[in-house]
Amino acid sequence: MNSTTSILPKNQCRYLSFGQILVQPVRHWFDSIAVGDRQIAKWLCQVIPARCPFERNIQLFGHHFFHIPPMCKLNPVYEELVGLRFRSLSFLADVSGEDVTPYC
């Protein structure tokens, strides 16, 4: 009997593309990072932006011409990075008792 193991439930495996299957271990790795050091939490909050830096409104002479949508959603690990930043902020606020307003 042939037994295979997967990091995903059986019902999700058949709906993923090849690219998603390749990115899945990286997503799990980001989700498994536990923030337990104050310096690392500060560094993560500084490195991971609070909002998407690519979103822009193009205006000329006070008139709105067009909007460039956020490109962050195209990043396959965007949600995991935002979660890691949130865990870092929570660690700084709850465990370290530090003011996190400079990182927001």
N, C-alpha and C. Protein backbone atom coordinates (compact mmCIF):
# COMPACT_ATOMS: atom_id res chain seq x y z
N MET A 1 0.85 -1.18 0.00
CA MET A 1 0.00 0.00 0.00
C MET A 1 0.89 1.23 0.00
N ASN A 2 0.65 2.16 -0.90
CA ASN A 2 1.44 3.36 -1.04
C ASN A 2 0.83 4.47 -0.19
N SER A 3 1.64 5.05 0.67
CA SER A 3 1.16 6.11 1.55
C SER A 3 1.93 7.39 1.25
N THR A 4 1.21 8.48 1.05
CA THR A 4 1.85 9.77 0.83
C THR A 4 1.42 10.73 1.91
N THR A 5 2.30 11.64 2.23
CA THR A 5 1.98 12.66 3.22
C THR A 5 1.95 14.01 2.54
N SER A 6 1.11 14.87 3.03
CA SER A 6 0.97 16.20 2.47
C SER A 6 0.82 17.20 3.60
N ILE A 7 1.20 18.43 3.32
CA ILE A 7 1.03 19.48 4.33
C ILE A 7 -0.36 20.08 4.26
N LEU A 8 -1.15 19.66 3.30
CA LEU A 8 -2.51 20.17 3.13
C LEU A 8 -3.52 19.04 3.27
N PRO A 9 -4.74 19.38 3.68
CA PRO A 9 -5.79 18.36 3.68
C PRO A 9 -6.04 17.87 2.26
N LYS A 10 -6.53 16.64 2.15
CA LYS A 10 -6.73 16.01 0.84
C LYS A 10 -7.66 16.82 -0.06
N ASN A 11 -8.69 17.41 0.51
CA ASN A 11 -9.65 18.13 -0.33
C ASN A 11 -9.09 19.43 -0.88
N GLN A 12 -7.99 19.96 -0.33
CA GLN A 12 -7.39 21.19 -0.85
C GLN A 12 -6.31 20.92 -1.88
N CYS A 13 -5.69 19.77 -1.86
CA CYS A 13 -4.57 19.47 -2.75
C CYS A 13 -4.96 19.53 -4.22
N ARG A 14 -6.12 19.08 -4.57
CA ARG A 14 -6.47 19.02 -5.99
C ARG A 14 -6.84 20.38 -6.56
N TYR A 15 -7.01 21.41 -5.73
CA TYR A 15 -7.39 22.73 -6.21
C TYR A 15 -6.22 23.70 -6.28
N LEU A 16 -5.03 23.31 -5.85
CA LEU A 16 -3.88 24.20 -5.85
C LEU A 16 -3.10 24.08 -7.15
N SER A 17 -2.58 25.22 -7.60
CA SER A 17 -1.73 25.20 -8.79
C SER A 17 -0.32 24.78 -8.38
N PHE A 18 0.49 24.53 -9.37
CA PHE A 18 1.87 24.12 -9.11
C PHE A 18 2.63 25.22 -8.36
N GLY A 19 2.40 26.49 -8.71
CA GLY A 19 3.06 27.60 -8.01
C GLY A 19 2.64 27.68 -6.55
N GLN A 20 1.36 27.45 -6.28
CA GLN A 20 0.88 27.49 -4.91
C GLN A 20 1.47 26.36 -4.08
N ILE A 21 1.66 25.21 -4.70
CA ILE A 21 2.26 24.08 -3.98
C ILE A 21 3.71 24.38 -3.64
N LEU A 22 4.41 25.08 -4.52
CA LEU A 22 5.80 25.45 -4.23
C LEU A 22 5.90 26.49 -3.13
N VAL A 23 4.94 27.41 -3.05
CA VAL A 23 4.98 28.49 -2.07
C VAL A 23 4.46 28.05 -0.70
N GLN A 24 3.67 27.00 -0.65
CA GLN A 24 3.04 26.56 0.59
C GLN A 24 4.04 26.32 1.74
N PRO A 25 5.18 25.67 1.53
CA PRO A 25 6.13 25.50 2.65
C PRO A 25 6.66 26.83 3.19
N VAL A 26 6.85 27.81 2.32
CA VAL A 26 7.31 29.13 2.76
C VAL A 26 6.24 29.80 3.60
N ARG A 27 4.99 29.66 3.19
CA ARG A 27 3.89 30.24 3.96
C ARG A 27 3.81 29.62 5.35
N HIS A 28 3.96 28.30 5.41
CA HIS A 28 3.93 27.63 6.71
C HIS A 28 5.13 28.05 7.56
N TRP A 29 6.27 28.26 6.94
CA TRP A 29 7.46 28.68 7.68
C TRP A 29 7.23 30.06 8.31
N PHE A 30 6.67 31.01 7.54
CA PHE A 30 6.37 32.34 8.10
C PHE A 30 5.35 32.24 9.23
N ASP A 31 4.35 31.39 9.06
CA ASP A 31 3.34 31.22 10.11
C ASP A 31 3.90 30.57 11.37
N SER A 32 4.96 29.78 11.23
CA SER A 32 5.50 29.08 12.39
C SER A 32 6.53 29.90 13.17
N ILE A 33 6.90 31.07 12.68
CA ILE A 33 7.88 31.90 13.38
C ILE A 33 7.24 32.45 14.64
N ALA A 34 7.84 32.14 15.78
CA ALA A 34 7.36 32.65 17.06
C ALA A 34 8.25 33.82 17.48
N VAL A 35 7.63 34.94 17.75
CA VAL A 35 8.38 36.13 18.16
C VAL A 35 8.58 36.06 19.66
N GLY A 36 9.84 35.97 20.08
CA GLY A 36 10.14 35.87 21.49
C GLY A 36 11.27 36.77 21.95
N ASP A 37 11.78 37.60 21.04
CA ASP A 37 12.88 38.49 21.36
C ASP A 37 12.48 39.92 21.00
N ARG A 38 12.74 40.84 21.91
CA ARG A 38 12.34 42.23 21.74
C ARG A 38 13.03 42.88 20.54
N GLN A 39 14.31 42.64 20.36
CA GLN A 39 15.06 43.25 19.26
C GLN A 39 14.57 42.73 17.91
N ILE A 40 14.31 41.44 17.83
CA ILE A 40 13.80 40.87 16.58
C ILE A 40 12.41 41.41 16.29
N ALA A 41 11.58 41.54 17.31
CA ALA A 41 10.23 42.08 17.11
C ALA A 41 10.30 43.52 16.61
N LYS A 42 11.19 44.33 17.16
CA LYS A 42 11.36 45.71 16.69
C LYS A 42 11.82 45.73 15.23
N TRP A 43 12.78 44.86 14.91
CA TRP A 43 13.31 44.81 13.55
C TRP A 43 12.22 44.41 12.56
N LEU A 44 11.42 43.41 12.92
CA LEU A 44 10.34 42.97 12.04
C LEU A 44 9.32 44.09 11.82
N CYS A 45 9.01 44.84 12.87
CA CYS A 45 8.05 45.94 12.74
C CYS A 45 8.59 47.06 11.86
N GLN A 46 9.90 47.24 11.85
CA GLN A 46 10.51 48.26 11.00
C GLN A 46 10.62 47.80 9.56
N VAL A 47 10.89 46.52 9.34
CA VAL A 47 11.13 46.00 7.99
C VAL A 47 9.82 45.75 7.24
N ILE A 48 8.82 45.20 7.91
CA ILE A 48 7.54 44.89 7.25
C ILE A 48 6.66 46.14 7.34
N PRO A 49 6.27 46.72 6.20
CA PRO A 49 5.49 47.96 6.23
C PRO A 49 4.09 47.76 6.81
N ALA A 50 3.57 48.82 7.42
CA ALA A 50 2.24 48.77 8.03
C ALA A 50 1.14 48.71 6.97
N ARG A 51 1.41 49.30 5.82
CA ARG A 51 0.44 49.22 4.72
C ARG A 51 1.21 49.08 3.41
N CYS A 52 0.51 48.76 2.39
CA CYS A 52 1.14 48.50 1.10
C CYS A 52 1.80 49.78 0.57
N PRO A 53 3.10 49.75 0.32
CA PRO A 53 3.79 50.97 -0.11
C PRO A 53 3.58 51.32 -1.58
N PHE A 54 2.92 50.50 -2.35
CA PHE A 54 2.81 50.74 -3.79
C PHE A 54 1.51 51.41 -4.20
N GLU A 55 0.54 51.48 -3.32
CA GLU A 55 -0.74 52.06 -3.67
C GLU A 55 -0.60 53.58 -3.81
N ARG A 56 -1.07 54.12 -4.93
CA ARG A 56 -0.93 55.55 -5.19
C ARG A 56 -2.17 56.10 -5.89
N ASN A 57 -2.46 57.36 -5.59
CA ASN A 57 -3.45 58.12 -6.35
C ASN A 57 -2.68 59.14 -7.17
N ILE A 58 -2.85 59.14 -8.47
CA ILE A 58 -2.15 60.06 -9.35
C ILE A 58 -3.03 61.29 -9.56
N GLN A 59 -2.52 62.45 -9.13
CA GLN A 59 -3.27 63.69 -9.25
C GLN A 59 -2.42 64.72 -9.99
N LEU A 60 -3.09 65.56 -10.76
CA LEU A 60 -2.42 66.63 -11.48
C LEU A 60 -3.29 67.87 -11.37
N PHE A 61 -2.73 68.93 -10.83
CA PHE A 61 -3.44 70.19 -10.60
C PHE A 61 -4.69 69.98 -9.76
N GLY A 62 -4.58 69.12 -8.77
CA GLY A 62 -5.68 68.87 -7.84
C GLY A 62 -6.77 67.95 -8.36
N HIS A 63 -6.63 67.43 -9.56
CA HIS A 63 -7.63 66.52 -10.13
C HIS A 63 -7.11 65.09 -10.09
N HIS A 64 -7.97 64.21 -9.66
CA HIS A 64 -7.63 62.79 -9.57
C HIS A 64 -7.71 62.17 -10.96
N PHE A 65 -6.56 61.66 -11.46
CA PHE A 65 -6.54 61.05 -12.79
C PHE A 65 -6.77 59.55 -12.75
N PHE A 66 -5.98 58.85 -11.93
CA PHE A 66 -6.19 57.41 -11.81
C PHE A 66 -5.57 56.90 -10.53
N HIS A 67 -5.91 55.68 -10.23
CA HIS A 67 -5.49 55.04 -8.98
C HIS A 67 -4.68 53.79 -9.33
N ILE A 68 -3.50 53.67 -8.72
CA ILE A 68 -2.70 52.46 -8.87
C ILE A 68 -3.06 51.56 -7.69
N PRO A 69 -3.63 50.40 -7.93
CA PRO A 69 -4.06 49.53 -6.82
C PRO A 69 -2.86 48.94 -6.08
N PRO A 70 -3.08 48.49 -4.85
CA PRO A 70 -1.98 47.89 -4.10
C PRO A 70 -1.51 46.60 -4.76
N MET A 71 -0.22 46.50 -4.94
CA MET A 71 0.36 45.31 -5.57
C MET A 71 0.68 44.23 -4.54
N CYS A 72 0.52 44.54 -3.27
CA CYS A 72 0.88 43.58 -2.23
C CYS A 72 0.06 42.30 -2.32
N LYS A 73 -1.16 42.41 -2.77
CA LYS A 73 -2.01 41.22 -2.87
C LYS A 73 -1.47 40.22 -3.89
N LEU A 74 -0.58 40.67 -4.77
CA LEU A 74 0.03 39.75 -5.73
C LEU A 74 1.14 38.93 -5.09
N ASN A 75 1.63 39.37 -3.93
CA ASN A 75 2.68 38.66 -3.20
C ASN A 75 2.05 37.41 -2.56
N PRO A 76 2.54 36.22 -2.88
CA PRO A 76 1.90 35.01 -2.36
C PRO A 76 2.06 34.82 -0.85
N VAL A 77 2.96 35.52 -0.21
CA VAL A 77 3.14 35.38 1.24
C VAL A 77 2.76 36.67 1.97
N TYR A 78 1.97 37.53 1.33
CA TYR A 78 1.59 38.81 1.92
C TYR A 78 0.84 38.63 3.24
N GLU A 79 -0.15 37.77 3.27
CA GLU A 79 -0.95 37.56 4.49
C GLU A 79 -0.08 37.04 5.63
N GLU A 80 0.87 36.19 5.33
CA GLU A 80 1.75 35.64 6.36
C GLU A 80 2.69 36.72 6.90
N LEU A 81 3.17 37.62 6.04
CA LEU A 81 4.02 38.72 6.50
C LEU A 81 3.25 39.68 7.39
N VAL A 82 2.02 39.98 7.02
CA VAL A 82 1.18 40.85 7.84
C VAL A 82 0.92 40.19 9.19
N GLY A 83 0.68 38.89 9.20
CA GLY A 83 0.49 38.16 10.46
C GLY A 83 1.74 38.18 11.33
N LEU A 84 2.90 38.04 10.71
CA LEU A 84 4.16 38.10 11.45
C LEU A 84 4.38 39.48 12.04
N ARG A 85 4.05 40.52 11.30
CA ARG A 85 4.17 41.88 11.83
C ARG A 85 3.20 42.09 13.00
N PHE A 86 1.99 41.57 12.87
CA PHE A 86 1.01 41.68 13.95
C PHE A 86 1.49 40.95 15.21
N ARG A 87 2.05 39.75 15.04
CA ARG A 87 2.58 39.02 16.19
C ARG A 87 3.73 39.78 16.84
N SER A 88 4.55 40.45 16.04
CA SER A 88 5.64 41.25 16.58
C SER A 88 5.11 42.44 17.37
N LEU A 89 4.13 43.13 16.81
CA LEU A 89 3.52 44.26 17.52
C LEU A 89 2.86 43.81 18.82
N SER A 90 2.17 42.68 18.77
CA SER A 90 1.52 42.15 19.98
C SER A 90 2.55 41.79 21.03
N PHE A 91 3.67 41.20 20.62
CA PHE A 91 4.72 40.86 21.57
C PHE A 91 5.28 42.12 22.22
N LEU A 92 5.55 43.15 21.42
CA LEU A 92 6.09 44.38 21.98
C LEU A 92 5.11 45.05 22.94
N ALA A 93 3.84 45.05 22.60
CA ALA A 93 2.84 45.72 23.44
C ALA A 93 2.49 44.91 24.68
N ASP A 94 2.25 43.61 24.51
CA ASP A 94 1.76 42.79 25.61
C ASP A 94 2.86 42.29 26.52
N VAL A 95 3.92 41.74 25.95
CA VAL A 95 4.97 41.12 26.76
C VAL A 95 6.00 42.15 27.21
N SER A 96 6.46 42.99 26.28
CA SER A 96 7.51 43.95 26.62
C SER A 96 6.95 45.23 27.23
N GLY A 97 5.67 45.48 27.05
CA GLY A 97 5.07 46.68 27.60
C GLY A 97 5.54 47.95 26.89
N GLU A 98 5.95 47.81 25.65
CA GLU A 98 6.49 48.94 24.90
C GLU A 98 5.39 49.64 24.12
N ASP A 99 5.56 50.94 23.93
CA ASP A 99 4.62 51.72 23.13
C ASP A 99 4.88 51.41 21.65
N VAL A 100 3.85 50.96 20.94
CA VAL A 100 4.02 50.55 19.55
C VAL A 100 3.57 51.61 18.55
N THR A 101 3.19 52.80 19.01
CA THR A 101 2.74 53.83 18.07
C THR A 101 3.81 54.25 17.07
N PRO A 102 5.12 54.19 17.37
CA PRO A 102 6.09 54.53 16.32
C PRO A 102 6.09 53.55 15.15
N TYR A 103 5.56 52.35 15.33
CA TYR A 103 5.56 51.34 14.28
C TYR A 103 4.27 51.32 13.48
N CYS A 104 3.30 52.15 13.86
CA CYS A 104 2.00 52.16 13.17
C CYS A 104 1.92 53.24 12.12
